[in-house]
Structure formats: structure tokens, C-alpha cells
Amino acid sequence: MTAVLPVETFPDLEALAGITHGFTGRVPGLDVKVDRALALQRLEAHHTRTRQDLGLSAAHYVTAEQVHGREVALVDARTTGPVPGADGLMTACPAVVLGIHVADCCAIYLADPVRRVIALLHSGRKGSELGIATAAIAKMRADFGCDPADIVAQLSPCIRPPQYEVDFAAIIVAQCRAAGVHQVFDCGTCTGSNVGRYYSYRVERGKTGRMLALLALTRA
């Protein structure tokens, strides 16, 4: 029988009223040395339990196809997923929980507690260089009138130098700040240096599991 590590949370998102988030780690004892689809299938029960533990089991769960692009999709309780062609999800609907899978790539949490809008992005090297964070912040402004000064940005654990040749976390931070987001927080943890706690696509040569990032509006 496998054990599940407690879900990880980030203090600066925890401080926001009415917003729930989480980030799963490695599941000890679970064989995920397989391709992505099968790994996600084996992790499904654990990820479902995480949503339950966070009080999100009744919410409509939406994920993205994740193609290493910069497309950010606006979703609601009618959206079916995985959303084709999207690497980012955005909503103002409290009946929805957003989900993004990562294994070395960064999950970027964006939350505007004033306009009550959230976004969750998948951003690895390519997505960061394409500017998915910039695109998401611009969409929050255009679709909901969000002021970037109100937005809180949080970066999840991801691979970093020296385990990887590009510091795309630093690229993301710089893009958020250039877009006017002052509250940018990076946990600073490298997945490649912590394979006992996280899955790492690079270190484990592509045969590994995925962490799940979750973000939801839970109170108006």
C-alpha cells in the first residue's frame, strides 16, 4: 500500500481569503516509471484524494492539454477538459477548480483577490520563453479589468540550475514584474535536486510521475 505525502501550500497564497490551492509531491512506493498517460492514470486516485482533502471534491475540475505553448483559456463550470491547445487556465467562477500537471516545469499561480480572478499556468523552458505569464496577466487585465498591482504570483517547485541549463524560473519572475505584478513569490525549490520529494522528467529520463497544482476560488 502506498502512502501520500501531505499536500504542499505556499504562505503568500494561504494569506488570501477565499482562495484554495495545493501542490502534490511524489507518492512513495508508486511505480510511475512509465509514459505520461499511464503515470497519470496510476496517480489519479491520489490526485482525487488531494482534491477531497482540500475540500474541492464538489467543484468542477478542469485541466489543460499542455502543449508547451502560451495559450490561456478562460473556463467555467461548463468547460470540459483537458482544454485543447491550452497551457494556462483562468476563471472567475467559484464552482471550478483548476489543475495543471508538472514534472520539472513550473506551475504558476496567479490570483487577484480584488477582482476575484485566478489563473494557473504550465510553464517550462518553451512556455517561459514564449511568455505565457505575460499573456495570462494581459488576459486578466483585458477580460476582467485586473490591476497587476493586485495580483499575487507564486511559482511552484521546478527544475533549476545546475540541474538544468536554463533558469526559466528567473525568466518567469522577470516577466511578472515587467507586467506590473509586484507580489511575485518563488519557493526556490529545485525538483531535479529533490527527487525523493518530487518527480523530475530530466533526472528520471522521461519515465516518471507528475505533480498536480490546484487552484480554486472558494468564497465570494
Foldseek 3Di string as FASTA:
>chain_A
DWDFDQWDDDVVQVPQPQKFKTKGWDIPPQFQLAAAVVQCVSCVVVVCVNCVVRVNNQAQEEEAPAPLAQDEDEDENVDDDNHYPDFKYKYQYQRYKYKYWDAQWKWKWKAQSVLSMIMIGTHDPSNLVNPNLLVVLVCCCVVRVGQLCRMAIEIDAHAAPPLDDDHSVVSNQVSSVVSPHPRYYYPPHHCLVCVVIHHHCSNSVNRGHIMMIMMGRRDD
